N, C-alpha and C. Protein backbone atom coordinates (compact mmCIF):
# COMPACT_ATOMS: atom_id res chain seq x y z
N UNK A 1 164.40 74.02 102.07
CA UNK A 1 163.95 73.30 103.16
C UNK A 1 163.56 74.29 104.34
N UNK A 2 162.33 74.10 104.92
CA UNK A 2 162.06 75.07 106.04
C UNK A 2 162.26 74.30 107.33
N UNK A 3 162.75 74.95 108.33
CA UNK A 3 162.95 74.33 109.61
C UNK A 3 161.89 74.64 110.66
N UNK A 4 161.40 73.70 111.47
CA UNK A 4 160.61 73.91 112.59
C UNK A 4 159.16 74.11 112.22
N UNK A 5 158.82 73.88 110.94
CA UNK A 5 157.41 73.99 110.46
C UNK A 5 156.58 72.85 111.03
N UNK A 6 155.23 73.12 111.21
CA UNK A 6 154.25 72.23 111.67
C UNK A 6 153.89 71.11 110.64
N UNK A 7 154.15 71.40 109.39
CA UNK A 7 153.92 70.45 108.37
C UNK A 7 152.38 70.50 108.06
N UNK A 8 151.89 69.42 107.44
CA UNK A 8 150.49 69.34 106.97
C UNK A 8 149.94 68.05 107.51
N UNK A 9 148.65 68.20 107.89
CA UNK A 9 147.91 66.95 108.26
C UNK A 9 146.45 67.12 108.19
N UNK A 10 145.69 66.05 108.05
CA UNK A 10 144.26 66.10 108.01
C UNK A 10 143.81 65.76 109.40
N UNK A 11 142.67 66.43 109.81
CA UNK A 11 142.28 66.24 111.24
C UNK A 11 140.74 66.39 111.25
N UNK A 12 140.09 65.75 112.10
CA UNK A 12 138.57 65.91 112.31
C UNK A 12 138.38 66.96 113.33
N UNK A 13 137.56 67.99 112.98
CA UNK A 13 137.14 69.04 113.86
C UNK A 13 135.72 68.92 114.26
N UNK A 14 135.47 68.94 115.64
CA UNK A 14 134.02 68.79 116.13
C UNK A 14 133.78 69.99 116.93
N UNK A 15 132.59 70.69 116.60
CA UNK A 15 132.19 71.92 117.35
C UNK A 15 130.72 72.16 117.18
N UNK A 16 130.07 72.93 118.03
CA UNK A 16 130.65 73.37 119.35
C UNK A 16 130.57 72.22 120.39
N UNK A 17 131.36 72.33 121.43
CA UNK A 17 131.38 71.37 122.47
C UNK A 17 131.61 72.03 123.74
N UNK A 18 130.51 72.16 124.58
CA UNK A 18 129.28 71.53 124.56
C UNK A 18 128.32 72.00 123.43
N UNK A 19 127.46 71.17 122.93
CA UNK A 19 126.50 71.41 121.93
C UNK A 19 125.07 71.60 122.52
N UNK A 20 124.21 72.41 121.86
CA UNK A 20 122.79 72.59 122.33
C UNK A 20 121.96 71.92 121.30
N UNK A 21 121.96 72.36 120.02
CA UNK A 21 121.12 72.00 118.92
C UNK A 21 121.78 71.15 117.89
N UNK A 22 122.97 71.58 117.45
CA UNK A 22 123.65 70.96 116.31
C UNK A 22 125.12 70.74 116.63
N UNK A 23 125.67 69.73 116.14
CA UNK A 23 127.13 69.37 116.25
C UNK A 23 127.62 69.30 114.90
N UNK A 24 128.67 70.03 114.58
CA UNK A 24 129.30 69.93 113.29
C UNK A 24 130.60 69.13 113.33
N UNK A 25 130.70 68.13 112.48
CA UNK A 25 131.86 67.36 112.36
C UNK A 25 132.51 67.54 111.00
N UNK A 26 133.71 67.90 110.92
CA UNK A 26 134.37 68.40 109.66
C UNK A 26 135.73 67.86 109.52
N UNK A 27 136.02 67.36 108.33
CA UNK A 27 137.41 66.95 107.96
C UNK A 27 138.10 68.22 107.52
N UNK A 28 139.13 68.60 108.25
CA UNK A 28 139.89 69.77 107.88
C UNK A 28 141.36 69.47 107.62
N UNK A 29 142.02 70.44 106.91
CA UNK A 29 143.39 70.24 106.56
C UNK A 29 144.22 71.25 107.39
N UNK A 30 145.12 70.86 108.14
CA UNK A 30 146.09 71.73 108.85
C UNK A 30 147.31 71.94 108.14
N UNK A 31 147.77 73.16 107.84
CA UNK A 31 149.07 73.42 107.24
C UNK A 31 149.75 74.40 108.10
N UNK A 32 150.79 74.11 108.73
CA UNK A 32 151.55 75.00 109.62
C UNK A 32 150.63 75.69 110.61
N UNK A 33 149.71 74.85 111.20
CA UNK A 33 148.83 75.52 112.27
C UNK A 33 147.62 76.18 111.71
N UNK A 34 147.55 76.43 110.40
CA UNK A 34 146.34 77.17 109.90
C UNK A 34 145.34 76.08 109.40
N UNK A 35 144.11 76.30 109.72
CA UNK A 35 143.03 75.37 109.35
C UNK A 35 142.47 75.84 108.05
N UNK A 36 142.27 74.79 107.10
CA UNK A 36 141.68 75.10 105.85
C UNK A 36 140.70 74.05 105.56
N UNK A 37 139.61 74.35 104.75
CA UNK A 37 138.68 73.40 104.39
C UNK A 37 139.09 72.53 103.18
N UNK A 38 140.22 72.81 102.64
CA UNK A 38 140.69 72.00 101.53
C UNK A 38 142.13 71.52 101.81
N UNK A 39 142.41 70.29 101.42
CA UNK A 39 143.72 69.67 101.61
C UNK A 39 144.59 70.18 100.37
N UNK A 40 145.75 69.85 100.43
CA UNK A 40 146.76 70.33 99.33
C UNK A 40 146.23 69.89 97.96
N UNK A 41 145.65 68.66 97.88
CA UNK A 41 145.14 68.21 96.61
C UNK A 41 143.65 68.42 96.40
N UNK A 42 143.07 69.24 97.32
CA UNK A 42 141.69 69.65 97.22
C UNK A 42 140.70 68.57 97.54
N UNK A 43 141.22 67.48 98.16
CA UNK A 43 140.30 66.39 98.45
C UNK A 43 140.17 66.15 99.97
N UNK A 44 139.00 66.25 100.45
CA UNK A 44 138.77 65.87 101.92
C UNK A 44 138.07 64.48 101.88
N UNK A 45 138.42 63.73 102.93
CA UNK A 45 137.84 62.38 103.01
C UNK A 45 136.37 62.44 103.59
N UNK A 46 135.45 61.71 102.97
CA UNK A 46 134.25 61.50 103.73
C UNK A 46 134.39 60.47 104.88
N UNK A 47 133.56 60.59 105.76
CA UNK A 47 133.55 59.71 107.06
C UNK A 47 132.26 59.32 107.41
N UNK A 48 132.16 58.40 108.33
CA UNK A 48 130.81 58.03 108.93
C UNK A 48 130.98 58.24 110.41
N UNK A 49 129.87 58.44 111.03
CA UNK A 49 129.89 58.75 112.49
C UNK A 49 128.85 57.91 113.24
N UNK A 50 129.13 57.59 114.48
CA UNK A 50 128.12 56.98 115.33
C UNK A 50 128.30 57.77 116.65
N UNK A 51 127.15 58.10 117.28
CA UNK A 51 127.18 58.81 118.56
C UNK A 51 126.58 57.87 119.59
N UNK A 52 127.33 57.56 120.76
CA UNK A 52 126.89 56.64 121.76
C UNK A 52 126.68 57.39 123.00
N UNK A 53 125.66 57.01 123.82
CA UNK A 53 125.39 57.56 125.10
C UNK A 53 126.31 56.97 126.13
N UNK A 54 126.17 57.31 127.40
CA UNK A 54 126.95 56.87 128.43
C UNK A 54 126.78 55.29 128.74
N UNK A 55 125.58 54.78 128.30
CA UNK A 55 125.33 53.34 128.36
C UNK A 55 125.79 52.54 127.19
N UNK A 56 126.60 53.20 126.31
CA UNK A 56 127.17 52.54 125.14
C UNK A 56 126.11 52.17 124.08
N UNK A 57 124.96 52.90 124.16
CA UNK A 57 123.86 52.65 123.08
C UNK A 57 124.00 53.69 122.01
N UNK A 58 123.94 53.26 120.72
CA UNK A 58 124.04 54.11 119.66
C UNK A 58 122.72 54.99 119.57
N UNK A 59 122.92 56.35 119.61
CA UNK A 59 121.77 57.17 119.51
C UNK A 59 121.67 58.02 118.28
N UNK A 60 122.76 58.08 117.46
CA UNK A 60 122.75 58.76 116.29
C UNK A 60 123.75 58.18 115.26
N UNK A 61 123.57 58.27 114.05
CA UNK A 61 124.60 57.96 113.11
C UNK A 61 124.45 58.65 111.81
N UNK A 62 125.51 58.76 111.03
CA UNK A 62 125.39 59.54 109.73
C UNK A 62 126.64 59.40 108.95
N UNK A 63 126.60 59.98 107.76
CA UNK A 63 127.74 59.91 106.81
C UNK A 63 127.89 61.38 106.28
N UNK A 64 129.20 61.76 106.15
CA UNK A 64 129.44 63.09 105.72
C UNK A 64 129.22 63.27 104.21
N UNK A 65 129.11 64.47 103.82
CA UNK A 65 129.03 64.89 102.41
C UNK A 65 130.10 65.96 102.18
N UNK A 66 131.01 65.70 101.24
CA UNK A 66 132.20 66.58 101.01
C UNK A 66 132.94 66.95 102.30
N UNK A 67 133.11 65.97 103.17
CA UNK A 67 133.96 66.14 104.34
C UNK A 67 133.30 66.83 105.52
N UNK A 68 131.96 66.97 105.46
CA UNK A 68 131.33 67.64 106.54
C UNK A 68 129.95 67.05 106.91
N UNK A 69 129.63 67.05 108.19
CA UNK A 69 128.35 66.51 108.62
C UNK A 69 127.86 67.42 109.75
N UNK A 70 126.59 67.83 109.67
CA UNK A 70 125.96 68.57 110.80
C UNK A 70 124.87 67.59 111.40
N UNK A 71 125.04 67.26 112.69
CA UNK A 71 124.26 66.32 113.36
C UNK A 71 123.25 67.13 114.31
N UNK A 72 122.01 66.84 114.21
CA UNK A 72 120.92 67.43 115.01
C UNK A 72 120.97 66.63 116.29
N UNK A 73 121.25 67.35 117.43
CA UNK A 73 121.34 66.71 118.72
C UNK A 73 120.29 67.36 119.67
N UNK A 74 119.40 68.21 119.23
CA UNK A 74 118.41 68.86 120.12
C UNK A 74 117.49 67.94 120.83
N UNK A 75 117.25 66.71 120.26
CA UNK A 75 116.33 65.77 120.81
C UNK A 75 116.99 64.89 121.91
N UNK A 76 118.29 65.01 122.10
CA UNK A 76 119.03 64.23 123.07
C UNK A 76 119.11 64.93 124.48
N UNK A 77 118.98 64.06 125.50
CA UNK A 77 119.14 64.73 126.95
C UNK A 77 120.51 65.20 127.12
N UNK A 78 120.59 66.11 128.11
CA UNK A 78 121.84 66.53 128.59
C UNK A 78 122.76 65.41 129.02
N UNK A 79 123.98 65.53 128.83
CA UNK A 79 124.90 64.47 129.27
C UNK A 79 126.20 64.39 128.37
N UNK A 80 126.99 63.42 128.67
CA UNK A 80 128.20 63.18 127.95
C UNK A 80 128.00 62.02 126.93
N UNK A 81 128.46 62.15 125.73
CA UNK A 81 128.35 61.18 124.73
C UNK A 81 129.71 60.92 124.05
N UNK A 82 129.85 59.80 123.34
CA UNK A 82 131.06 59.48 122.70
C UNK A 82 130.90 59.40 121.17
N UNK A 83 131.48 60.28 120.39
CA UNK A 83 131.45 60.36 118.93
C UNK A 83 132.52 59.43 118.34
N UNK A 84 132.12 58.52 117.64
CA UNK A 84 133.02 57.65 116.83
C UNK A 84 133.05 58.02 115.42
N UNK A 85 134.26 58.50 114.92
CA UNK A 85 134.28 59.00 113.51
C UNK A 85 135.21 57.99 112.87
N UNK A 86 134.56 57.32 111.82
CA UNK A 86 135.42 56.31 111.01
C UNK A 86 135.71 56.96 109.68
N UNK A 87 137.07 57.13 109.58
CA UNK A 87 137.65 57.82 108.31
C UNK A 87 138.64 56.86 107.81
N UNK A 88 138.19 56.18 106.69
CA UNK A 88 139.09 55.14 106.11
C UNK A 88 139.42 54.06 107.16
N UNK A 89 140.65 53.74 107.42
CA UNK A 89 140.85 52.69 108.40
C UNK A 89 141.11 53.33 109.76
N UNK A 90 140.90 54.61 109.95
CA UNK A 90 141.13 55.30 111.23
C UNK A 90 139.89 55.50 111.92
N UNK A 91 139.82 55.11 113.22
CA UNK A 91 138.67 55.48 114.15
C UNK A 91 139.12 56.52 115.06
N UNK A 92 138.39 57.54 115.16
CA UNK A 92 138.65 58.80 116.06
C UNK A 92 137.48 58.83 116.94
N UNK A 93 137.74 58.79 118.29
CA UNK A 93 136.74 58.93 119.39
C UNK A 93 136.91 60.33 120.10
N UNK A 94 135.74 61.00 120.13
CA UNK A 94 135.73 62.30 120.87
C UNK A 94 134.67 62.30 121.93
N UNK A 95 134.92 62.87 123.13
CA UNK A 95 133.78 62.97 124.04
C UNK A 95 133.07 64.27 123.83
N UNK A 96 131.77 64.14 123.79
CA UNK A 96 130.87 65.23 123.45
C UNK A 96 130.02 65.54 124.60
N UNK A 97 129.70 66.77 124.93
CA UNK A 97 128.75 67.14 125.94
C UNK A 97 127.50 67.79 125.32
N UNK A 98 126.32 67.30 125.62
CA UNK A 98 125.09 68.00 125.20
C UNK A 98 124.67 68.78 126.48
N UNK A 99 124.43 70.12 126.24
CA UNK A 99 124.15 70.96 127.47
C UNK A 99 123.19 72.01 126.89
N UNK A 100 121.95 72.07 127.37
CA UNK A 100 120.93 72.98 126.97
C UNK A 100 120.53 73.96 128.03
């Protein structure tokens, strides 16, 4: 048994933030603080996303393939947006900035 370890968990990673042209949303696996693109069993969950502007209007949506989605945001105006990531029963909300 190891003591004080960080353990293992799956997490959504969103980058870059602020974004100019593309936003990458990725299901990653954390093991003792190290990021890996594969979980212990080699399976990452697919997820769906919705991007909302500050007026709560949906401006983009998509579904991941193999645990990753690249979202084109270059047609969106500068500002703050809210990314809703639905992964199974879990809803993750991240604030995103578009800045060109």
